[in-house]
Amino acid sequence: MKILKLICGLICLAIVAANIWTMSRWSERRGVADDLCYLRQAHLFQQHGRHGIDTDIKTETDGYFRKLVTEVGQPGWHDDNQSVCHIDMAKTGKRVLQYPPGTGALLALFPEGHQVVPLYAAANAVVLLMACATIALARSRAMVLTAAGFGWAALYLMINPAKASYSIAPTMAICSIVGYLTAKMVAIPHRQRGLHAAAIGILLGLSINFRLPNALLCIGYGVFLLAMFVVRRDRACFADGAGFGVGVVAGMLPTLIYNATHAG
């Protein structure tokens, strides 16, 4: 069993090494509008700190975004009918990025011009850790191979389709942790699930800061926790659901602040 687990873990490590080798040749100037706007958000955070959460196009005073979009053939980036991934806010009169701030905030942790590869490498490392932890905890050969198979698939997906958008990599990293916590949660008595439910809620709330459709990830957990409460009708189940809900709201606070800043 130990040798089998070691072999499976080494294969995971080899896949990550191959991923990083492939990523090292990526360009941050693919010409994809989403990429440019995530990079603009990161630039704002690096330039203005927490105030970079305000993405009003009027803050484009150093020509950074103009240069990015001009390079990909969008010279009319500031015109009403050619705004690249920006939308108008009628109430505040701002024209702002249409994406939540999480992906830009993560990119801002790395030096400009070398942001995407470190982001993906870090996300790969998280998925690798979760895959190896799952393999290590498996108690039979069949479960080791099952865990390894899912781990290998997850790590492969960190290249394709994750490369399609910078927001997918951190989403997948969070989902790997949530998957691990979910397995731990359902394996313990229901009266001891409170911390797991709250932690899952916080993580799924954080994922909304990367992609708004990640809010849909909360539905399955909400339905499960609600069904548990309907069946058992006890305080523990109510606390699990309440903890999960509060965790989701707490995790998505950056997006709520982002929306309030832009839309009023």
C-alpha atoms as a PDB file:
ATOM      1  CA  MET A   1       0.000   0.000   0.000  1.00  0.00           C
ATOM      2  CA  LYS A   2       2.758   2.455   0.917  1.00  0.00           C
ATOM      3  CA  ILE A   3       4.611   1.775  -2.336  1.00  0.00           C
ATOM      4  CA  LEU A   4       1.386   2.169  -4.334  1.00  0.00           C
ATOM      5  CA  LYS A   5       0.617   5.480  -2.611  1.00  0.00           C
ATOM      6  CA  LEU A   6       4.176   6.675  -3.227  1.00  0.00           C
ATOM      7  CA  ILE A   7       3.962   5.806  -6.926  1.00  0.00           C
ATOM      8  CA  CYS A   8       0.593   7.568  -7.248  1.00  0.00           C
ATOM      9  CA  GLY A   9       1.962  10.652  -5.463  1.00  0.00           C
ATOM     10  CA  LEU A  10       5.030  10.730  -7.710  1.00  0.00           C
ATOM     11  CA  ILE A  11       2.783  10.614 -10.780  1.00  0.00           C
ATOM     12  CA  CYS A  12       0.874  13.603  -9.380  1.00  0.00           C
ATOM     13  CA  LEU A  13       4.164  15.409  -8.901  1.00  0.00           C
ATOM     14  CA  ALA A  14       5.232  14.570 -12.461  1.00  0.00           C
ATOM     15  CA  ILE A  15       1.987  15.976 -13.864  1.00  0.00           C
ATOM     16  CA  VAL A  16       2.500  19.226 -11.925  1.00  0.00           C
ATOM     17  CA  ALA A  17       6.100  19.445 -13.149  1.00  0.00           C
ATOM     18  CA  ALA A  18       4.870  19.014 -16.737  1.00  0.00           C
ATOM     19  CA  ASN A  19       2.186  21.652 -16.134  1.00  0.00           C
ATOM     20  CA  ILE A  20       4.705  24.184 -14.824  1.00  0.00           C
ATOM     21  CA  TRP A  21       7.024  23.478 -17.758  1.00  0.00           C
ATOM     22  CA  THR A  22       4.150  24.206 -20.143  1.00  0.00           C
ATOM     23  CA  MET A  23       3.088  27.306 -18.194  1.00  0.00           C
ATOM     24  CA  SER A  24       6.607  28.719 -18.238  1.00  0.00           C
ATOM     25  CA  ARG A  25       6.177  29.337 -21.967  1.00  0.00           C
ATOM     26  CA  TRP A  26       2.849  31.153 -21.651  1.00  0.00           C
ATOM     27  CA  SER A  27       2.511  34.789 -22.623  1.00  0.00           C
ATOM     28  CA  GLU A  28       0.565  37.319 -20.558  1.00  0.00           C
ATOM     29  CA  ARG A  29      -0.398  39.106 -23.767  1.00  0.00           C
ATOM     30  CA  ARG A  30      -2.680  36.575 -25.453  1.00  0.00           C
ATOM     31  CA  GLY A  31      -4.956  39.306 -26.722  1.00  0.00           C
ATOM     32  CA  VAL A  32      -7.935  37.986 -24.735  1.00  0.00           C
ATOM     33  CA  ALA A  33     -10.040  40.810 -23.324  1.00  0.00           C
ATOM     34  CA  ASP A  34     -10.629  39.003 -20.013  1.00  0.00           C
ATOM     35  CA  ASP A  35      -6.878  38.674 -19.461  1.00  0.00           C
ATOM     36  CA  LEU A  36      -6.243  42.356 -20.050  1.00  0.00           C
ATOM     37  CA  CYS A  37      -8.944  43.393 -17.621  1.00  0.00           C
ATOM     38  CA  TYR A  38      -7.744  41.065 -14.877  1.00  0.00           C
ATOM     39  CA  LEU A  39      -4.274  42.541 -15.371  1.00  0.00           C
ATOM     40  CA  ARG A  40      -5.748  46.038 -15.121  1.00  0.00           C
ATOM     41  CA  GLN A  41      -7.373  45.157 -11.801  1.00  0.00           C
ATOM     42  CA  ALA A  42      -4.037  43.787 -10.544  1.00  0.00           C
ATOM     43  CA  HIS A  43      -2.289  46.962 -11.687  1.00  0.00           C
ATOM     44  CA  LEU A  44      -4.793  49.091  -9.774  1.00  0.00           C
ATOM     45  CA  PHE A  45      -4.230  47.105  -6.564  1.00  0.00           C
ATOM     46  CA  GLN A  46      -0.468  47.416  -6.933  1.00  0.00           C
ATOM     47  CA  GLN A  47      -0.753  51.129  -7.649  1.00  0.00           C
ATOM     48  CA  HIS A  48      -3.405  52.146  -5.119  1.00  0.00           C
ATOM     49  CA  GLY A  49      -3.501  49.350  -2.529  1.00  0.00           C
ATOM     50  CA  ARG A  50      -6.998  48.594  -1.201  1.00  0.00           C
ATOM     51  CA  HIS A  51      -8.340  51.630  -3.067  1.00  0.00           C
ATOM     52  CA  GLY A  52      -7.603  49.734  -6.283  1.00  0.00           C
ATOM     53  CA  ILE A  53     -10.966  48.051  -5.779  1.00  0.00           C
ATOM     54  CA  ASP A  54     -12.441  51.111  -7.568  1.00  0.00           C
ATOM     55  CA  THR A  55     -12.036  50.303 -11.290  1.00  0.00           C
ATOM     56  CA  ASP A  56     -13.690  53.419 -12.711  1.00  0.00           C
ATOM     57  CA  ILE A  57     -12.060  54.047 -16.083  1.00  0.00           C
ATOM     58  CA  LYS A  58     -11.349  57.606 -14.935  1.00  0.00           C
ATOM     59  CA  THR A  59      -8.604  56.130 -12.744  1.00  0.00           C
ATOM     60  CA  GLU A  60      -6.755  55.163 -15.939  1.00  0.00           C
ATOM     61  CA  THR A  61      -4.281  58.020 -15.738  1.00  0.00           C
ATOM     62  CA  ASP A  62      -0.966  56.296 -16.451  1.00  0.00           C
ATOM     63  CA  GLY A  63      -1.830  54.792 -19.848  1.00  0.00           C
ATOM     64  CA  TYR A  64      -1.432  51.180 -18.637  1.00  0.00           C
ATOM     65  CA  PHE A  65      -4.750  49.844 -19.912  1.00  0.00           C
ATOM     66  CA  ARG A  66      -4.629  52.000 -23.041  1.00  0.00           C
ATOM     67  CA  LYS A  67      -1.317  50.351 -23.928  1.00  0.00           C
ATOM     68  CA  LEU A  68      -2.660  46.835 -23.312  1.00  0.00           C
ATOM     69  CA  VAL A  69      -5.727  47.178 -25.477  1.00  0.00           C
ATOM     70  CA  THR A  70      -3.987  49.148 -28.211  1.00  0.00           C
ATOM     71  CA  GLU A  71      -1.492  46.305 -28.555  1.00  0.00           C
ATOM     72  CA  VAL A  72      -4.360  43.929 -29.376  1.00  0.00           C
ATOM     73  CA  GLY A  73      -6.079  46.231 -31.854  1.00  0.00           C
ATOM     74  CA  GLN A  74      -8.583  48.072 -29.660  1.00  0.00           C
ATOM     75  CA  PRO A  75      -7.544  51.715 -30.075  1.00  0.00           C
ATOM     76  CA  GLY A  76     -11.071  52.924 -29.243  1.00  0.00           C
ATOM     77  CA  TRP A  77     -10.971  51.320 -25.800  1.00  0.00           C
ATOM     78  CA  HIS A  78     -12.481  54.412 -24.144  1.00  0.00           C
ATOM     79  CA  ASP A  79     -15.409  54.892 -26.565  1.00  0.00           C
ATOM     80  CA  ASP A  80     -18.940  54.034 -25.437  1.00  0.00           C
ATOM     81  CA  ASN A  81     -19.419  51.377 -28.095  1.00  0.00           C
ATOM     82  CA  GLN A  82     -15.937  49.854 -27.806  1.00  0.00           C
ATOM     83  CA  SER A  83     -15.360  49.590 -24.058  1.00  0.00           C
ATOM     84  CA  VAL A  84     -13.344  46.448 -23.415  1.00  0.00           C
ATOM     85  CA  CYS A  85     -14.978  44.427 -20.578  1.00  0.00           C
ATOM     86  CA  HIS A  86     -16.249  47.582 -18.841  1.00  0.00           C
ATOM     87  CA  ILE A  87     -19.876  48.462 -18.138  1.00  0.00           C
ATOM     88  CA  ASP A  88     -21.620  51.750 -17.267  1.00  0.00           C
ATOM     89  CA  MET A  89     -23.118  52.271 -13.817  1.00  0.00           C
ATOM     90  CA  ALA A  90     -26.086  54.626 -14.232  1.00  0.00           C
ATOM     91  CA  LYS A  91     -26.418  55.530 -10.554  1.00  0.00           C
ATOM     92  CA  THR A  92     -22.786  56.476  -9.977  1.00  0.00           C
ATOM     93  CA  GLY A  93     -21.813  57.517 -13.502  1.00  0.00           C
ATOM     94  CA  LYS A  94     -18.823  55.174 -13.433  1.00  0.00           C
ATOM     95  CA  ARG A  95     -17.585  52.845 -16.155  1.00  0.00           C
ATOM     96  CA  VAL A  96     -16.123  49.865 -14.346  1.00  0.00           C
ATOM     97  CA  LEU A  97     -14.739  46.376 -14.871  1.00  0.00           C
ATOM     98  CA  GLN A  98     -17.452  43.734 -15.106  1.00  0.00           C
ATOM     99  CA  TYR A  99     -15.501  41.158 -13.083  1.00  0.00           C
ATOM    100  CA  PRO A 100     -15.270  40.706  -9.310  1.00  0.00           C
ATOM    101  CA  PRO A 101     -11.952  41.713  -7.717  1.00  0.00           C
ATOM    102  CA  GLY A 102     -10.544  38.399  -6.514  1.00  0.00           C
ATOM    103  CA  THR A 103      -8.534  37.343  -9.556  1.00  0.00           C
ATOM    104  CA  GLY A 104      -6.933  40.761  -9.905  1.00  0.00           C
ATOM    105  CA  ALA A 105      -6.092  40.775  -6.199  1.00  0.00           C
ATOM    106  CA  LEU A 106      -4.281  37.443  -6.499  1.00  0.00           C
ATOM    107  CA  LEU A 107      -2.383  38.568  -9.602  1.00  0.00           C
ATOM    108  CA  ALA A 108      -1.337  41.699  -7.705  1.00  0.00           C
ATOM    109  CA  LEU A 109       0.618  39.508  -5.279  1.00  0.00           C
ATOM    110  CA  PHE A 110       3.202  38.873  -8.005  1.00  0.00           C
ATOM    111  CA  PRO A 111       5.469  41.333  -9.857  1.00  0.00           C
ATOM    112  CA  GLU A 112       4.035  42.984 -12.948  1.00  0.00           C
ATOM    113  CA  GLY A 113       4.928  41.120 -16.109  1.00  0.00           C
ATOM    114  CA  HIS A 114       5.362  37.845 -14.197  1.00  0.00           C
ATOM    115  CA  GLN A 115       1.955  37.306 -12.638  1.00  0.00           C
ATOM    116  CA  VAL A 116       0.109  34.593 -14.503  1.00  0.00           C
ATOM    117  CA  VAL A 117       2.589  31.715 -14.277  1.00  0.00           C
ATOM    118  CA  PRO A 118       3.100  32.112 -10.483  1.00  0.00           C
ATOM    119  CA  LEU A 119      -0.684  32.259 -10.000  1.00  0.00           C
ATOM    120  CA  TYR A 120      -1.180  29.010 -11.904  1.00  0.00           C
ATOM    121  CA  ALA A 121       1.815  27.365 -10.227  1.00  0.00           C
ATOM    122  CA  ALA A 122       0.399  28.232  -6.791  1.00  0.00           C
ATOM    123  CA  ALA A 123      -3.025  26.861  -7.776  1.00  0.00           C
ATOM    124  CA  ASN A 124      -1.372  23.657  -9.040  1.00  0.00           C
ATOM    125  CA  ALA A 125       0.469  23.321  -5.726  1.00  0.00           C
ATOM    126  CA  VAL A 126      -2.814  23.519  -3.785  1.00  0.00           C
ATOM    127  CA  VAL A 127      -4.479  20.867  -5.957  1.00  0.00           C
ATOM    128  CA  LEU A 128      -1.362  18.688  -5.689  1.00  0.00           C
ATOM    129  CA  LEU A 129      -1.447  18.946  -1.893  1.00  0.00           C
ATOM    130  CA  MET A 130      -5.118  17.959  -1.766  1.00  0.00           C
ATOM    131  CA  ALA A 131      -4.580  15.065  -4.195  1.00  0.00           C
ATOM    132  CA  CYS A 132      -1.647  13.711  -2.186  1.00  0.00           C
ATOM    133  CA  ALA A 133      -3.564  14.102   1.086  1.00  0.00           C
ATOM    134  CA  THR A 134      -6.493  12.160  -0.349  1.00  0.00           C
ATOM    135  CA  ILE A 135      -4.214   9.395  -1.627  1.00  0.00           C
ATOM    136  CA  ALA A 136      -2.461   9.198   1.734  1.00  0.00           C
ATOM    137  CA  LEU A 137      -5.760   8.811   3.614  1.00  0.00           C
ATOM    138  CA  ALA A 138      -7.141   6.063   1.341  1.00  0.00           C
ATOM    139  CA  ARG A 139      -7.530   2.743   3.194  1.00  0.00           C
ATOM    140  CA  SER A 140      -7.635   0.201   0.373  1.00  0.00           C
ATOM    141  CA  ARG A 141      -5.904  -0.336  -2.964  1.00  0.00           C
ATOM    142  CA  ALA A 142      -9.141   0.396  -4.820  1.00  0.00           C
ATOM    143  CA  MET A 143      -9.610   3.667  -2.958  1.00  0.00           C
ATOM    144  CA  VAL A 144      -5.964   4.634  -3.514  1.00  0.00           C
ATOM    145  CA  LEU A 145      -6.355   4.142  -7.257  1.00  0.00           C
ATOM    146  CA  THR A 146      -9.705   5.964  -7.263  1.00  0.00           C
ATOM    147  CA  ALA A 147      -8.257   8.925  -5.368  1.00  0.00           C
ATOM    148  CA  ALA A 148      -5.197   8.925  -7.623  1.00  0.00           C
ATOM    149  CA  GLY A 149      -7.337   8.849 -10.764  1.00  0.00           C
ATOM    150  CA  PHE A 150      -9.334  11.878  -9.648  1.00  0.00           C
ATOM    151  CA  GLY A 151      -6.118  13.619  -8.579  1.00  0.00           C
ATOM    152  CA  TRP A 152      -4.451  13.024 -11.937  1.00  0.00           C
ATOM    153  CA  ALA A 153      -7.528  14.258 -13.792  1.00  0.00           C
ATOM    154  CA  ALA A 154      -7.801  17.376 -11.628  1.00  0.00           C
ATOM    155  CA  LEU A 155      -4.130  18.216 -12.159  1.00  0.00           C
ATOM    156  CA  TYR A 156      -4.446  17.735 -15.923  1.00  0.00           C
ATOM    157  CA  LEU A 157      -7.427  20.086 -15.958  1.00  0.00           C
ATOM    158  CA  MET A 158      -5.225  22.772 -14.377  1.00  0.00           C
ATOM    159  CA  ILE A 159      -3.784  23.278 -17.869  1.00  0.00           C
ATOM    160  CA  ASN A 160      -6.818  22.653 -20.041  1.00  0.00           C
ATOM    161  CA  PRO A 161      -9.430  24.124 -19.603  1.00  0.00           C
ATOM    162  CA  ALA A 162      -8.016  26.205 -16.720  1.00  0.00           C
ATOM    163  CA  LYS A 163      -5.827  28.228 -19.099  1.00  0.00           C
ATOM    164  CA  ALA A 164      -8.969  29.627 -20.743  1.00  0.00           C
ATOM    165  CA  SER A 165      -9.379  32.231 -17.999  1.00  0.00           C
ATOM    166  CA  TYR A 166      -7.202  33.451 -15.163  1.00  0.00           C
ATOM    167  CA  SER A 167     -10.148  33.088 -12.788  1.00  0.00           C
ATOM    168  CA  ILE A 168     -10.474  29.334 -13.297  1.00  0.00           C
ATOM    169  CA  ALA A 169      -7.178  28.328 -11.659  1.00  0.00           C
ATOM    170  CA  PRO A 170      -7.937  29.793  -8.201  1.00  0.00           C
ATOM    171  CA  THR A 171     -11.501  28.497  -8.482  1.00  0.00           C
ATOM    172  CA  MET A 172     -10.235  24.954  -9.024  1.00  0.00           C
ATOM    173  CA  ALA A 173      -7.771  25.286  -6.156  1.00  0.00           C
ATOM    174  CA  ILE A 174     -10.580  26.279  -3.789  1.00  0.00           C
ATOM    175  CA  CYS A 175     -12.816  23.500  -5.111  1.00  0.00           C
ATOM    176  CA  SER A 176     -10.102  20.939  -4.342  1.00  0.00           C
ATOM    177  CA  ILE A 177      -9.987  22.095  -0.709  1.00  0.00           C
ATOM    178  CA  VAL A 178     -13.791  22.170  -0.511  1.00  0.00           C
ATOM    179  CA  GLY A 179     -13.949  18.641  -1.903  1.00  0.00           C
ATOM    180  CA  TYR A 180     -11.517  17.437   0.748  1.00  0.00           C
ATOM    181  CA  LEU A 181     -13.446  19.166   3.553  1.00  0.00           C
ATOM    182  CA  THR A 182     -16.723  17.789   2.217  1.00  0.00           C
ATOM    183  CA  ALA A 183     -15.420  14.225   2.409  1.00  0.00           C
ATOM    184  CA  LYS A 184     -14.226  14.875   5.949  1.00  0.00           C
ATOM    185  CA  MET A 185     -17.556  16.453   6.902  1.00  0.00           C
ATOM    186  CA  VAL A 186     -19.783  13.594   5.762  1.00  0.00           C
ATOM    187  CA  ALA A 187     -17.537  11.072   7.524  1.00  0.00           C
ATOM    188  CA  ILE A 188     -18.138  12.479  11.006  1.00  0.00           C
ATOM    189  CA  PRO A 189     -21.286  12.591  13.179  1.00  0.00           C
ATOM    190  CA  HIS A 190     -23.669  15.326  12.103  1.00  0.00           C
ATOM    191  CA  ARG A 191     -23.392  17.101  15.457  1.00  0.00           C
ATOM    192  CA  GLN A 192     -19.698  17.738  14.789  1.00  0.00           C
ATOM    193  CA  ARG A 193     -20.034  19.247  11.306  1.00  0.00           C
ATOM    194  CA  GLY A 194     -20.390  22.910  12.271  1.00  0.00           C
ATOM    195  CA  LEU A 195     -16.796  24.014  11.700  1.00  0.00           C
ATOM    196  CA  HIS A 196     -16.556  22.091   8.432  1.00  0.00           C
ATOM    197  CA  ALA A 197     -19.797  23.639   7.142  1.00  0.00           C
ATOM    198  CA  ALA A 198     -18.634  27.147   8.058  1.00  0.00           C
ATOM    199  CA  ALA A 199     -15.203  26.599   6.498  1.00  0.00           C
ATOM    200  CA  ILE A 200     -16.796  25.316   3.283  1.00  0.00           C
ATOM    201  CA  GLY A 201     -19.095  28.346   3.249  1.00  0.00           C
ATOM    202  CA  ILE A 202     -16.164  30.753   3.612  1.00  0.00           C
ATOM    203  CA  LEU A 203     -14.221  29.037   0.830  1.00  0.00           C
ATOM    204  CA  LEU A 204     -17.177  28.996  -1.568  1.00  0.00           C
ATOM    205  CA  GLY A 205     -17.824  32.648  -0.695  1.00  0.00           C
ATOM    206  CA  LEU A 206     -14.198  33.417  -1.540  1.00  0.00           C
ATOM    207  CA  SER A 207     -14.598  31.641  -4.885  1.00  0.00           C
ATOM    208  CA  ILE A 208     -17.349  34.119  -5.828  1.00  0.00           C
ATOM    209  CA  ASN A 209     -14.668  36.820  -5.752  1.00  0.00           C
ATOM    210  CA  PHE A 210     -13.019  35.051  -8.691  1.00  0.00           C
ATOM    211  CA  ARG A 211     -16.072  34.214 -10.797  1.00  0.00           C
ATOM    212  CA  LEU A 212     -19.638  35.331 -10.043  1.00  0.00           C
ATOM    213  CA  PRO A 213     -21.157  32.068 -11.400  1.00  0.00           C
ATOM    214  CA  ASN A 214     -19.310  30.291  -8.581  1.00  0.00           C
ATOM    215  CA  ALA A 215     -22.291  31.325  -6.473  1.00  0.00           C
ATOM    216  CA  LEU A 216     -24.000  28.331  -8.080  1.00  0.00           C
ATOM    217  CA  LEU A 217     -21.540  26.077  -6.233  1.00  0.00           C
ATOM    218  CA  CYS A 218     -23.339  27.008  -3.020  1.00  0.00           C
ATOM    219  CA  ILE A 219     -26.662  25.553  -4.163  1.00  0.00           C
ATOM    220  CA  GLY A 220     -25.804  21.883  -3.633  1.00  0.00           C
ATOM    221  CA  TYR A 221     -24.544  22.507  -0.127  1.00  0.00           C
ATOM    222  CA  GLY A 222     -27.526  24.694   0.692  1.00  0.00           C
ATOM    223  CA  VAL A 223     -29.956  22.000  -0.478  1.00  0.00           C
ATOM    224  CA  PHE A 224     -28.082  19.300   1.466  1.00  0.00           C
ATOM    225  CA  LEU A 225     -27.968  21.291   4.709  1.00  0.00           C
ATOM    226  CA  LEU A 226     -31.608  22.311   4.356  1.00  0.00           C
ATOM    227  CA  ALA A 227     -32.650  18.699   3.763  1.00  0.00           C
ATOM    228  CA  MET A 228     -30.679  17.607   6.831  1.00  0.00           C
ATOM    229  CA  PHE A 229     -32.494  20.189   8.932  1.00  0.00           C
ATOM    230  CA  VAL A 230     -35.921  19.203   7.561  1.00  0.00           C
ATOM    231  CA  VAL A 231     -35.240  15.544   8.381  1.00  0.00           C
ATOM    232  CA  ARG A 232     -33.627  15.974  11.797  1.00  0.00           C
ATOM    233  CA  ARG A 233     -35.080  19.277  13.048  1.00  0.00           C
ATOM    234  CA  ASP A 234     -32.326  19.793  15.618  1.00  0.00           C
ATOM    235  CA  ARG A 235     -30.110  22.698  16.631  1.00  0.00           C
ATOM    236  CA  ALA A 236     -26.958  21.104  15.252  1.00  0.00           C
ATOM    237  CA  CYS A 237     -28.354  20.978  11.713  1.00  0.00           C
ATOM    238  CA  PHE A 238     -29.676  24.525  12.009  1.00  0.00           C
ATOM    239  CA  ALA A 239     -26.252  25.681  13.222  1.00  0.00           C
ATOM    240  CA  ASP A 240     -24.588  23.926  10.269  1.00  0.00           C
ATOM    241  CA  GLY A 241     -26.806  25.733   7.784  1.00  0.00           C
ATOM    242  CA  ALA A 242     -26.468  29.079   9.545  1.00  0.00           C
ATOM    243  CA  GLY A 243     -22.687  28.703   9.769  1.00  0.00           C
ATOM    244  CA  PHE A 244     -22.501  27.839   6.095  1.00  0.00           C
ATOM    245  CA  GLY A 245     -24.637  30.848   5.125  1.00  0.00           C
ATOM    246  CA  VAL A 246     -22.688  33.282   7.278  1.00  0.00           C
ATOM    247  CA  GLY A 247     -19.458  31.825   5.895  1.00  0.00           C
ATOM    248  CA  VAL A 248     -20.573  32.391   2.306  1.00  0.00           C
ATOM    249  CA  VAL A 249     -21.457  36.027   3.004  1.00  0.00           C
ATOM    250  CA  ALA A 250     -18.188  36.588   4.881  1.00  0.00           C
ATOM    251  CA  GLY A 251     -16.180  35.051   2.067  1.00  0.00           C
ATOM    252  CA  MET A 252     -17.788  37.171  -0.627  1.00  0.00           C
ATOM    253  CA  LEU A 253     -17.447  40.470   1.274  1.00  0.00           C
ATOM    254  CA  PRO A 254     -14.827  41.807  -1.190  1.00  0.00           C
ATOM    255  CA  THR A 255     -17.344  41.432  -4.026  1.00  0.00           C
ATOM    256  CA  LEU A 256     -20.082  43.112  -1.983  1.00  0.00           C
ATOM    257  CA  ILE A 257     -17.723  46.033  -1.267  1.00  0.00           C
ATOM    258  CA  TYR A 258     -16.739  46.071  -4.940  1.00  0.00           C
ATOM    259  CA  ASN A 259     -20.395  46.301  -6.003  1.00  0.00           C
ATOM    260  CA  ALA A 260     -21.169  49.016  -3.434  1.00  0.00           C
ATOM    261  CA  THR A 261     -18.167  51.047  -4.600  1.00  0.00           C
ATOM    262  CA  HIS A 262     -19.259  50.905  -8.217  1.00  0.00           C
ATOM    263  CA  ALA A 263     -23.031  50.773  -8.162  1.00  0.00           C
ATOM    264  CA  GLY A 264     -23.828  52.624  -4.949  1.00  0.00           C
END
